[in-house]
C-alpha atoms as a PDB file:
ATOM      1  CA  MET A   1      49.019  51.411  99.697  1.00  0.00           C
ATOM      2  CA  THR A   2      47.774  52.318  96.225  1.00  0.00           C
ATOM      3  CA  GLU A   3      44.732  50.664  94.698  1.00  0.00           C
ATOM      4  CA  LYS A   4      46.973  48.934  92.153  1.00  0.00           C
ATOM      5  CA  ASN A   5      49.226  47.511  94.884  1.00  0.00           C
ATOM      6  CA  PHE A   6      46.165  46.346  96.812  1.00  0.00           C
ATOM      7  CA  GLU A   7      44.815  44.545  93.760  1.00  0.00           C
ATOM      8  CA  ASP A   8      48.214  42.922  93.119  1.00  0.00           C
ATOM      9  CA  ASP A   9      48.479  41.741  96.727  1.00  0.00           C
ATOM     10  CA  PHE A  10      44.936  40.385  96.639  1.00  0.00           C
ATOM     11  CA  LEU A  11      45.581  38.521  93.385  1.00  0.00           C
ATOM     12  CA  SER A  12      48.842  37.110  94.718  1.00  0.00           C
ATOM     13  CA  HIS A  13      47.073  35.913  97.870  1.00  0.00           C
ATOM     14  CA  GLN A  14      44.275  34.281  95.876  1.00  0.00           C
ATOM     15  CA  PHE A  15      46.743  32.594  93.549  1.00  0.00           C
ATOM     16  CA  GLU A  16      48.738  31.191  96.461  1.00  0.00           C
ATOM     17  CA  ALA A  17      45.521  29.924  98.023  1.00  0.00           C
ATOM     18  CA  SER A  18      44.842  27.995  94.798  1.00  0.00           C
ATOM     19  CA  ARG A  19      48.413  26.813  94.224  1.00  0.00           C
ATOM     20  CA  ASP A  20      47.912  23.278  95.578  1.00  0.00           C
ATOM     21  CA  HIS A  21      44.825  22.866  93.432  1.00  0.00           C
ATOM     22  CA  LEU A  22      46.654  24.125  90.332  1.00  0.00           C
ATOM     23  CA  HIS A  23      49.546  21.770  91.002  1.00  0.00           C
ATOM     24  CA  ALA A  24      47.055  18.908  91.280  1.00  0.00           C
ATOM     25  CA  VAL A  25      45.513  19.786  87.914  1.00  0.00           C
ATOM     26  CA  ALA A  26      48.896  20.192  86.214  1.00  0.00           C
ATOM     27  CA  TYR A  27      50.310  16.983  87.710  1.00  0.00           C
ATOM     28  CA  ARG A  28      47.426  14.909  86.408  1.00  0.00           C
ATOM     29  CA  MET A  29      47.886  16.487  83.009  1.00  0.00           C
ATOM     30  CA  LEU A  30      51.686  16.296  82.805  1.00  0.00           C
ATOM     31  CA  GLY A  31      53.004  13.769  85.339  1.00  0.00           C
ATOM     32  CA  SER A  32      56.320  15.619  85.517  1.00  0.00           C
ATOM     33  CA  GLY A  33      57.336  17.701  88.532  1.00  0.00           C
ATOM     34  CA  ALA A  34      59.510  20.098  86.537  1.00  0.00           C
ATOM     35  CA  GLU A  35      56.819  20.650  83.914  1.00  0.00           C
ATOM     36  CA  VAL A  36      54.201  21.117  86.611  1.00  0.00           C
ATOM     37  CA  ASP A  37      56.247  23.885  88.191  1.00  0.00           C
ATOM     38  CA  ASP A  38      56.752  25.489  84.782  1.00  0.00           C
ATOM     39  CA  ALA A  39      53.030  25.338  84.019  1.00  0.00           C
ATOM     40  CA  VAL A  40      51.985  26.889  87.316  1.00  0.00           C
ATOM     41  CA  GLN A  41      54.650  29.586  87.043  1.00  0.00           C
ATOM     42  CA  GLU A  42      53.513  30.412  83.512  1.00  0.00           C
ATOM     43  CA  ALA A  43      49.943  30.625  84.787  1.00  0.00           C
ATOM     44  CA  TRP A  44      51.013  33.193  87.365  1.00  0.00           C
ATOM     45  CA  LEU A  45      52.834  35.248  84.715  1.00  0.00           C
ATOM     46  CA  ARG A  46      49.703  35.295  82.573  1.00  0.00           C
ATOM     47  CA  VAL A  47      47.388  36.059  85.474  1.00  0.00           C
ATOM     48  CA  SER A  48      49.579  38.889  86.738  1.00  0.00           C
ATOM     49  CA  ARG A  49      49.224  40.643  83.379  1.00  0.00           C
ATOM     50  CA  TYR A  50      45.472  40.173  83.111  1.00  0.00           C
ATOM     51  CA  ASP A  51      42.681  42.505  84.166  1.00  0.00           C
ATOM     52  CA  MET A  52      40.807  40.397  86.708  1.00  0.00           C
ATOM     53  CA  SER A  53      37.935  42.812  87.245  1.00  0.00           C
ATOM     54  CA  ASP A  54      35.564  40.758  85.070  1.00  0.00           C
ATOM     55  CA  VAL A  55      36.509  37.337  86.491  1.00  0.00           C
ATOM     56  CA  ALA A  56      33.710  36.105  88.734  1.00  0.00           C
ATOM     57  CA  ASN A  57      35.135  32.667  89.611  1.00  0.00           C
ATOM     58  CA  LEU A  58      38.872  33.099  90.078  1.00  0.00           C
ATOM     59  CA  ARG A  59      39.591  29.481  91.025  1.00  0.00           C
ATOM     60  CA  GLY A  60      37.732  28.187  87.977  1.00  0.00           C
ATOM     61  CA  TRP A  61      39.441  30.718  85.740  1.00  0.00           C
ATOM     62  CA  LEU A  62      42.866  29.748  87.064  1.00  0.00           C
ATOM     63  CA  THR A  63      42.030  26.104  86.402  1.00  0.00           C
ATOM     64  CA  THR A  64      41.302  26.842  82.750  1.00  0.00           C
ATOM     65  CA  VAL A  65      44.489  28.905  82.406  1.00  0.00           C
ATOM     66  CA  VAL A  66      46.623  26.047  83.738  1.00  0.00           C
ATOM     67  CA  ALA A  67      44.714  23.562  81.588  1.00  0.00           C
ATOM     68  CA  ARG A  68      45.416  25.566  78.420  1.00  0.00           C
ATOM     69  CA  ILE A  69      49.118  25.743  79.278  1.00  0.00           C
ATOM     70  CA  CYS A  70      49.256  21.993  79.972  1.00  0.00           C
ATOM     71  CA  LEU A  71      47.465  21.233  76.721  1.00  0.00           C
ATOM     72  CA  ASP A  72      50.072  23.244  74.809  1.00  0.00           C
ATOM     73  CA  MET A  73      52.857  21.373  76.609  1.00  0.00           C
ATOM     74  CA  LEU A  74      51.287  17.991  75.851  1.00  0.00           C
ATOM     75  CA  ARG A  75      50.876  18.890  72.185  1.00  0.00           C
ATOM     76  CA  ALA A  76      54.499  20.003  72.073  1.00  0.00           C
ATOM     77  CA  ARG A  77      55.484  16.579  73.397  1.00  0.00           C
ATOM     78  CA  LYS A  78      53.484  14.880  70.644  1.00  0.00           C
ATOM     79  CA  SER A  79      55.047  17.031  67.929  1.00  0.00           C
ATOM     80  CA  ARG A  80      58.649  16.329  68.902  1.00  0.00           C
ATOM     81  CA  LYS A  81      60.401  14.218  66.337  1.00  0.00           C
ATOM     82  CA  GLU A  82      62.850  12.445  68.608  1.00  0.00           C
ATOM     83  CA  GLU A  83      61.992   8.893  69.634  1.00  0.00           C
ATOM     84  CA  PRO A  84      61.780   8.304  73.408  1.00  0.00           C
ATOM     85  CA  MET A  85      63.956   5.636  74.971  1.00  0.00           C
ATOM     86  CA  GLY A  86      60.869   4.048  76.499  1.00  0.00           C
ATOM     87  CA  PRO A  87      57.411   4.837  77.845  1.00  0.00           C
ATOM     88  CA  HIS A  88      57.210   7.985  79.918  1.00  0.00           C
ATOM     89  CA  VAL A  89      56.893   7.161  83.593  1.00  0.00           C
ATOM     90  CA  PRO A  90      55.355   9.916  85.700  1.00  0.00           C
ATOM     91  CA  GLU A  91      57.553  11.296  88.437  1.00  0.00           C
ATOM     92  CA  PRO A  92      56.576  10.650  92.052  1.00  0.00           C
ATOM     93  CA  VAL A  93      54.224  13.288  93.329  1.00  0.00           C
ATOM     94  CA  ASP A  94      55.186  15.693  96.062  1.00  0.00           C
ATOM     95  CA  GLU A  95      52.548  14.784  98.637  1.00  0.00           C
ATOM     96  CA  THR A  96      52.849  18.131 100.387  1.00  0.00           C
ATOM     97  CA  ARG A  97      51.523  19.755  97.223  1.00  0.00           C
ATOM     98  CA  GLU A  98      48.819  17.163  96.661  1.00  0.00           C
ATOM     99  CA  ARG A  99      46.799  17.558  99.813  1.00  0.00           C
ATOM    100  CA  GLU A 100      43.649  18.536  97.994  1.00  0.00           C
ATOM    101  CA  ALA A 101      41.293  15.585  97.933  1.00  0.00           C
ATOM    102  CA  GLU A 102      44.238  13.250  98.563  1.00  0.00           C
ATOM    103  CA  MET A 103      45.263  13.325  94.919  1.00  0.00           C
ATOM    104  CA  ALA A 104      41.567  13.163  93.955  1.00  0.00           C
ATOM    105  CA  ASP A 105      41.098   9.723  95.481  1.00  0.00           C
ATOM    106  CA  SER A 106      44.736   8.729  95.104  1.00  0.00           C
ATOM    107  CA  VAL A 107      45.621   9.048  91.457  1.00  0.00           C
ATOM    108  CA  GLY A 108      48.665   6.834  91.338  1.00  0.00           C
ATOM    109  CA  ALA A 109      51.487   6.307  88.895  1.00  0.00           C
ATOM    110  CA  ALA A 110      49.656   3.401  87.225  1.00  0.00           C
ATOM    111  CA  LEU A 111      46.756   5.642  86.213  1.00  0.00           C
ATOM    112  CA  LEU A 112      49.115   8.373  85.073  1.00  0.00           C
ATOM    113  CA  VAL A 113      50.863   5.869  82.810  1.00  0.00           C
ATOM    114  CA  VAL A 114      47.465   5.070  81.271  1.00  0.00           C
ATOM    115  CA  LEU A 115      46.781   8.781  80.850  1.00  0.00           C
ATOM    116  CA  GLU A 116      50.017   9.029  78.874  1.00  0.00           C
ATOM    117  CA  THR A 117      48.432   6.851  76.177  1.00  0.00           C
ATOM    118  CA  LEU A 118      45.626   9.358  75.587  1.00  0.00           C
ATOM    119  CA  GLN A 119      45.626  12.117  73.017  1.00  0.00           C
ATOM    120  CA  PRO A 120      46.242  15.547  74.633  1.00  0.00           C
ATOM    121  CA  ALA A 121      42.644  16.720  74.148  1.00  0.00           C
ATOM    122  CA  GLU A 122      41.278  13.420  75.493  1.00  0.00           C
ATOM    123  CA  ARG A 123      43.477  13.657  78.546  1.00  0.00           C
ATOM    124  CA  LEU A 124      42.459  17.232  79.273  1.00  0.00           C
ATOM    125  CA  ALA A 125      38.732  16.541  78.873  1.00  0.00           C
ATOM    126  CA  PHE A 126      38.916  13.485  81.112  1.00  0.00           C
ATOM    127  CA  VAL A 127      41.074  15.070  83.817  1.00  0.00           C
ATOM    128  CA  LEU A 128      39.101  18.307  84.037  1.00  0.00           C
ATOM    129  CA  HIS A 129      35.671  16.700  83.963  1.00  0.00           C
ATOM    130  CA  ASP A 130      36.105  13.415  85.791  1.00  0.00           C
ATOM    131  CA  MET A 131      38.683  14.522  88.359  1.00  0.00           C
ATOM    132  CA  PHE A 132      37.847  18.178  88.895  1.00  0.00           C
ATOM    133  CA  ALA A 133      34.170  18.379  87.855  1.00  0.00           C
ATOM    134  CA  VAL A 134      34.767  21.127  85.286  1.00  0.00           C
ATOM    135  CA  PRO A 135      31.651  21.317  83.067  1.00  0.00           C
ATOM    136  CA  PHE A 136      31.982  20.521  79.376  1.00  0.00           C
ATOM    137  CA  GLU A 137      30.783  24.027  78.548  1.00  0.00           C
ATOM    138  CA  GLU A 138      34.076  25.295  79.999  1.00  0.00           C
ATOM    139  CA  ILE A 139      36.198  22.464  78.601  1.00  0.00           C
ATOM    140  CA  ALA A 140      34.973  22.939  75.021  1.00  0.00           C
ATOM    141  CA  PRO A 141      36.702  26.287  74.325  1.00  0.00           C
ATOM    142  CA  ILE A 142      39.958  25.026  75.857  1.00  0.00           C
ATOM    143  CA  VAL A 143      40.222  22.088  73.449  1.00  0.00           C
ATOM    144  CA  GLY A 144      38.638  24.057  70.609  1.00  0.00           C
ATOM    145  CA  ARG A 145      35.700  21.720  70.117  1.00  0.00           C
ATOM    146  CA  SER A 146      31.965  21.710  70.607  1.00  0.00           C
ATOM    147  CA  VAL A 147      30.412  20.678  73.920  1.00  0.00           C
ATOM    148  CA  ASP A 148      29.245  17.377  72.407  1.00  0.00           C
ATOM    149  CA  ALA A 149      32.676  16.661  70.945  1.00  0.00           C
ATOM    150  CA  SER A 150      34.318  17.436  74.303  1.00  0.00           C
ATOM    151  CA  ARG A 151      31.926  15.057  76.010  1.00  0.00           C
ATOM    152  CA  GLN A 152      32.857  12.418  73.448  1.00  0.00           C
ATOM    153  CA  LEU A 153      36.551  12.976  74.138  1.00  0.00           C
ATOM    154  CA  ALA A 154      36.066  12.370  77.854  1.00  0.00           C
ATOM    155  CA  SER A 155      33.940   9.299  77.172  1.00  0.00           C
ATOM    156  CA  ARG A 156      36.606   7.755  74.954  1.00  0.00           C
ATOM    157  CA  ALA A 157      39.295   8.539  77.515  1.00  0.00           C
ATOM    158  CA  ARG A 158      37.167   7.070  80.305  1.00  0.00           C
ATOM    159  CA  ARG A 159      36.782   3.776  78.446  1.00  0.00           C
ATOM    160  CA  ARG A 160      40.518   3.561  77.877  1.00  0.00           C
ATOM    161  CA  VAL A 161      41.320   4.370  81.498  1.00  0.00           C
ATOM    162  CA  GLN A 162      38.883   1.684  82.599  1.00  0.00           C
ATOM    163  CA  GLY A 163      40.549  -0.803  80.286  1.00  0.00           C
ATOM    164  CA  ALA A 164      37.644  -0.964  77.846  1.00  0.00           C
ATOM    165  CA  PRO A 165      38.750  -0.181  74.286  1.00  0.00           C
ATOM    166  CA  VAL A 166      36.513   1.849  72.044  1.00  0.00           C
ATOM    167  CA  PRO A 167      34.231  -0.737  70.394  1.00  0.00           C
ATOM    168  CA  GLU A 168      35.363  -1.426  66.846  1.00  0.00           C
ATOM    169  CA  THR A 169      31.707  -1.716  65.893  1.00  0.00           C
ATOM    170  CA  ASP A 170      31.272   1.970  66.768  1.00  0.00           C
ATOM    171  CA  LEU A 171      34.210   3.026  64.611  1.00  0.00           C
ATOM    172  CA  SER A 172      33.085   0.777  61.769  1.00  0.00           C
ATOM    173  CA  ARG A 173      29.540   2.127  61.918  1.00  0.00           C
ATOM    174  CA  GLN A 174      30.734   5.736  62.030  1.00  0.00           C
ATOM    175  CA  ARG A 175      33.149   5.112  59.174  1.00  0.00           C
ATOM    176  CA  GLY A 176      30.262   3.821  57.079  1.00  0.00           C
ATOM    177  CA  ILE A 177      28.291   6.997  57.774  1.00  0.00           C
ATOM    178  CA  VAL A 178      31.198   9.252  56.780  1.00  0.00           C
ATOM    179  CA  ASP A 179      31.935   7.146  53.691  1.00  0.00           C
ATOM    180  CA  ALA A 180      28.294   7.571  52.626  1.00  0.00           C
ATOM    181  CA  PHE A 181      28.472  11.310  53.325  1.00  0.00           C
ATOM    182  CA  LEU A 182      31.580  11.778  51.181  1.00  0.00           C
ATOM    183  CA  LYS A 183      30.190   9.615  48.365  1.00  0.00           C
ATOM    184  CA  ALA A 184      26.968  11.653  48.260  1.00  0.00           C
ATOM    185  CA  SER A 185      29.006  14.873  48.389  1.00  0.00           C
ATOM    186  CA  ARG A 186      31.216  13.896  45.436  1.00  0.00           C
ATOM    187  CA  GLU A 187      28.215  12.803  43.370  1.00  0.00           C
ATOM    188  CA  GLY A 188      26.225  15.950  44.154  1.00  0.00           C
ATOM    189  CA  ASN A 189      23.514  13.750  45.664  1.00  0.00           C
ATOM    190  CA  PHE A 190      21.511  16.178  47.812  1.00  0.00           C
ATOM    191  CA  GLU A 191      19.057  13.535  49.051  1.00  0.00           C
ATOM    192  CA  GLY A 192      21.935  11.237  49.887  1.00  0.00           C
ATOM    193  CA  LEU A 193      23.500  13.961  52.013  1.00  0.00           C
ATOM    194  CA  LEU A 194      20.230  14.577  53.837  1.00  0.00           C
ATOM    195  CA  ALA A 195      19.991  10.857  54.593  1.00  0.00           C
ATOM    196  CA  VAL A 196      23.172  10.918  56.709  1.00  0.00           C
ATOM    197  CA  LEU A 197      22.803  14.367  58.289  1.00  0.00           C
ATOM    198  CA  ASP A 198      20.920  14.985  61.521  1.00  0.00           C
ATOM    199  CA  PRO A 199      18.145  17.555  60.930  1.00  0.00           C
ATOM    200  CA  ASP A 200      19.816  19.861  63.472  1.00  0.00           C
ATOM    201  CA  VAL A 201      23.390  19.291  62.274  1.00  0.00           C
ATOM    202  CA  VAL A 202      25.796  22.160  62.965  1.00  0.00           C
ATOM    203  CA  PHE A 203      28.831  22.972  60.829  1.00  0.00           C
ATOM    204  CA  ARG A 204      31.559  25.165  62.338  1.00  0.00           C
ATOM    205  CA  ALA A 205      34.795  26.403  60.820  1.00  0.00           C
ATOM    206  CA  ASP A 206      37.930  27.932  62.291  1.00  0.00           C
ATOM    207  CA  GLN A 207      39.170  31.303  61.035  1.00  0.00           C
ATOM    208  CA  ALA A 208      41.556  29.715  58.541  1.00  0.00           C
ATOM    209  CA  ALA A 209      38.714  27.716  56.994  1.00  0.00           C
ATOM    210  CA  VAL A 210      36.564  30.842  56.870  1.00  0.00           C
ATOM    211  CA  ARG A 211      39.315  32.568  54.885  1.00  0.00           C
ATOM    212  CA  LEU A 212      39.060  29.748  52.362  1.00  0.00           C
ATOM    213  CA  GLY A 213      35.492  30.806  51.636  1.00  0.00           C
ATOM    214  CA  THR A 214      33.079  29.196  54.094  1.00  0.00           C
ATOM    215  CA  LEU A 215      30.882  30.644  56.818  1.00  0.00           C
ATOM    216  CA  PRO A 216      31.947  30.301  60.453  1.00  0.00           C
ATOM    217  CA  GLU A 217      28.725  28.463  61.313  1.00  0.00           C
ATOM    218  CA  ILE A 218      25.942  26.788  59.319  1.00  0.00           C
ATOM    219  CA  ARG A 219      22.915  25.117  60.919  1.00  0.00           C
ATOM    220  CA  GLY A 220      20.416  22.602  59.619  1.00  0.00           C
ATOM    221  CA  ALA A 221      20.625  19.613  57.294  1.00  0.00           C
ATOM    222  CA  ASP A 222      19.438  21.481  54.193  1.00  0.00           C
ATOM    223  CA  ALA A 223      22.052  24.218  54.536  1.00  0.00           C
ATOM    224  CA  VAL A 224      24.917  21.823  55.345  1.00  0.00           C
ATOM    225  CA  ALA A 225      23.918  19.493  52.489  1.00  0.00           C
ATOM    226  CA  GLN A 226      23.939  22.458  50.123  1.00  0.00           C
ATOM    227  CA  LEU A 227      27.413  23.396  51.363  1.00  0.00           C
ATOM    228  CA  TYR A 228      28.822  19.942  50.586  1.00  0.00           C
ATOM    229  CA  LYS A 229      26.870  19.142  47.423  1.00  0.00           C
ATOM    230  CA  GLY A 230      29.324  18.421  44.619  1.00  0.00           C
ATOM    231  CA  ARG A 231      32.393  18.829  46.806  1.00  0.00           C
ATOM    232  CA  ALA A 232      34.691  16.515  48.821  1.00  0.00           C
ATOM    233  CA  GLN A 233      36.699  15.467  45.751  1.00  0.00           C
ATOM    234  CA  ALA A 234      39.922  15.600  47.759  1.00  0.00           C
ATOM    235  CA  ALA A 235      38.367  14.396  51.025  1.00  0.00           C
ATOM    236  CA  ARG A 236      39.092  11.013  52.579  1.00  0.00           C
ATOM    237  CA  THR A 237      37.668   9.253  55.599  1.00  0.00           C
ATOM    238  CA  ALA A 238      40.296   9.349  58.340  1.00  0.00           C
ATOM    239  CA  LEU A 239      41.012   8.914  62.015  1.00  0.00           C
ATOM    240  CA  VAL A 240      41.420  12.382  63.516  1.00  0.00           C
ATOM    241  CA  ASP A 241      42.949  12.087  66.991  1.00  0.00           C
ATOM    242  CA  GLY A 242      41.597   8.548  67.122  1.00  0.00           C
ATOM    243  CA  GLU A 243      38.060   9.467  66.053  1.00  0.00           C
ATOM    244  CA  ILE A 244      36.348   9.010  62.723  1.00  0.00           C
ATOM    245  CA  GLY A 245      36.610  12.217  60.716  1.00  0.00           C
ATOM    246  CA  VAL A 246      37.733  13.537  57.342  1.00  0.00           C
ATOM    247  CA  ALA A 247      41.085  14.577  55.886  1.00  0.00           C
ATOM    248  CA  VAL A 248      41.257  16.885  52.868  1.00  0.00           C
ATOM    249  CA  ILE A 249      44.497  16.198  51.013  1.00  0.00           C
ATOM    250  CA  LEU A 250      45.694  18.687  48.417  1.00  0.00           C
ATOM    251  CA  GLY A 251      49.084  18.507  46.740  1.00  0.00           C
ATOM    252  CA  GLY A 252      50.000  15.575  48.948  1.00  0.00           C
ATOM    253  CA  GLN A 253      49.491  17.608  52.124  1.00  0.00           C
ATOM    254  CA  LEU A 254      46.769  17.699  54.739  1.00  0.00           C
ATOM    255  CA  ARG A 255      45.021  21.039  54.235  1.00  0.00           C
ATOM    256  CA  ILE A 256      41.755  20.647  56.138  1.00  0.00           C
ATOM    257  CA  ALA A 257      40.670  18.233  58.875  1.00  0.00           C
ATOM    258  CA  LEU A 258      37.033  17.671  59.754  1.00  0.00           C
ATOM    259  CA  ARG A 259      36.052  16.492  63.202  1.00  0.00           C
ATOM    260  CA  VAL A 260      32.717  14.717  63.079  1.00  0.00           C
ATOM    261  CA  THR A 261      30.226  13.928  65.850  1.00  0.00           C
ATOM    262  CA  PHE A 262      27.321  11.535  65.556  1.00  0.00           C
ATOM    263  CA  LYS A 263      23.787  11.150  66.873  1.00  0.00           C
ATOM    264  CA  ASP A 264      21.421   8.267  66.149  1.00  0.00           C
ATOM    265  CA  GLU A 265      23.272   6.969  63.074  1.00  0.00           C
ATOM    266  CA  ARG A 266      23.639  10.433  61.552  1.00  0.00           C
ATOM    267  CA  ILE A 267      26.195  13.222  61.496  1.00  0.00           C
ATOM    268  CA  ALA A 268      25.282  15.808  64.127  1.00  0.00           C
ATOM    269  CA  GLY A 269      28.334  18.068  63.984  1.00  0.00           C
ATOM    270  CA  ILE A 270      31.181  18.954  61.633  1.00  0.00           C
ATOM    271  CA  GLU A 271      34.149  21.104  62.677  1.00  0.00           C
ATOM    272  CA  ALA A 272      36.437  22.253  59.876  1.00  0.00           C
ATOM    273  CA  LEU A 273      40.036  22.981  60.892  1.00  0.00           C
ATOM    274  CA  ALA A 274      42.393  24.610  58.413  1.00  0.00           C
ATOM    275  CA  ASP A 275      44.784  26.447  60.756  1.00  0.00           C
ATOM    276  CA  ALA A 276      48.271  25.097  60.034  1.00  0.00           C
ATOM    277  CA  GLU A 277      49.387  24.973  63.675  1.00  0.00           C
ATOM    278  CA  GLY A 278      46.136  23.345  64.757  1.00  0.00           C
ATOM    279  CA  ILE A 279      46.419  20.706  62.055  1.00  0.00           C
ATOM    280  CA  ALA A 280      50.052  20.024  62.964  1.00  0.00           C
ATOM    281  CA  ALA A 281      48.936  19.180  66.500  1.00  0.00           C
ATOM    282  CA  LEU A 282      46.479  16.545  65.252  1.00  0.00           C
ATOM    283  CA  GLU A 283      47.168  12.889  64.645  1.00  0.00           C
ATOM    284  CA  VAL A 284      45.494  12.089  61.324  1.00  0.00           C
ATOM    285  CA  GLU A 285      45.461   8.696  59.641  1.00  0.00           C
ATOM    286  CA  VAL A 286      43.723   8.328  56.283  1.00  0.00           C
ATOM    287  CA  LEU A 287      41.694   5.113  56.142  1.00  0.00           C
ATOM    288  CA  GLU A 288      42.210   3.230  52.903  1.00  0.00           C
ATOM    289  CA  GLY A 289      39.833   0.807  51.258  1.00  0.00           C
END
């Protein structure tokens, strides 16, 4: 047997050993037997083409691969234009494939129906962290957000799953902070910007935003305030995937979305997204008044 054949056989064996676990992850993400099979099969196709020599934790790596695939599938669901006949009801689980941890303490159809109400990124953060103990440091790059923002996603999802809506007082308070930030930005009020920015605030931009003329990362209140001084003329406070953020509207179209995280009544993180496909996957609602 050649070394290549040995490596292929070893990888195939390891993948099969993790198949039940991967099905469990995909089922909690998708709730559809056919889609679960597609997701796991796609994971195998990707893995079989990948150089595994630098993968230290194969099971963890496979989990992230399946999670990325499921996230894409969930976002595709959200972007479809056709109206469903009714709420999606998860298909019954194949118990022979869900032996691991007895469906993680018996995740039933009722919970899966609740999960269907979550945004794709919320669902992924909650499922991976709360059901499979994946650390937020690994979840963050999958959903394309910071560690703190990923933690916030899971927290929001957890409250919804537990039947506790996100407190309106939180959203109202955060909206006030963003409104003040945008007002100070438009007026070129440097001190006003500093008043609503955490001293250690971090600004990050995707590659599309960088091409528009910003740096990929800026740290510190002074530097971020300088970035936004005199700007934000086309920016509006908005709900971005259910969280308070900013929408930049140019020519009647959403061009840039800002995800915002908060700490102690101040803005602690800003993530600028300008990639067209990424923006299309977001649910953005401009808040009027």
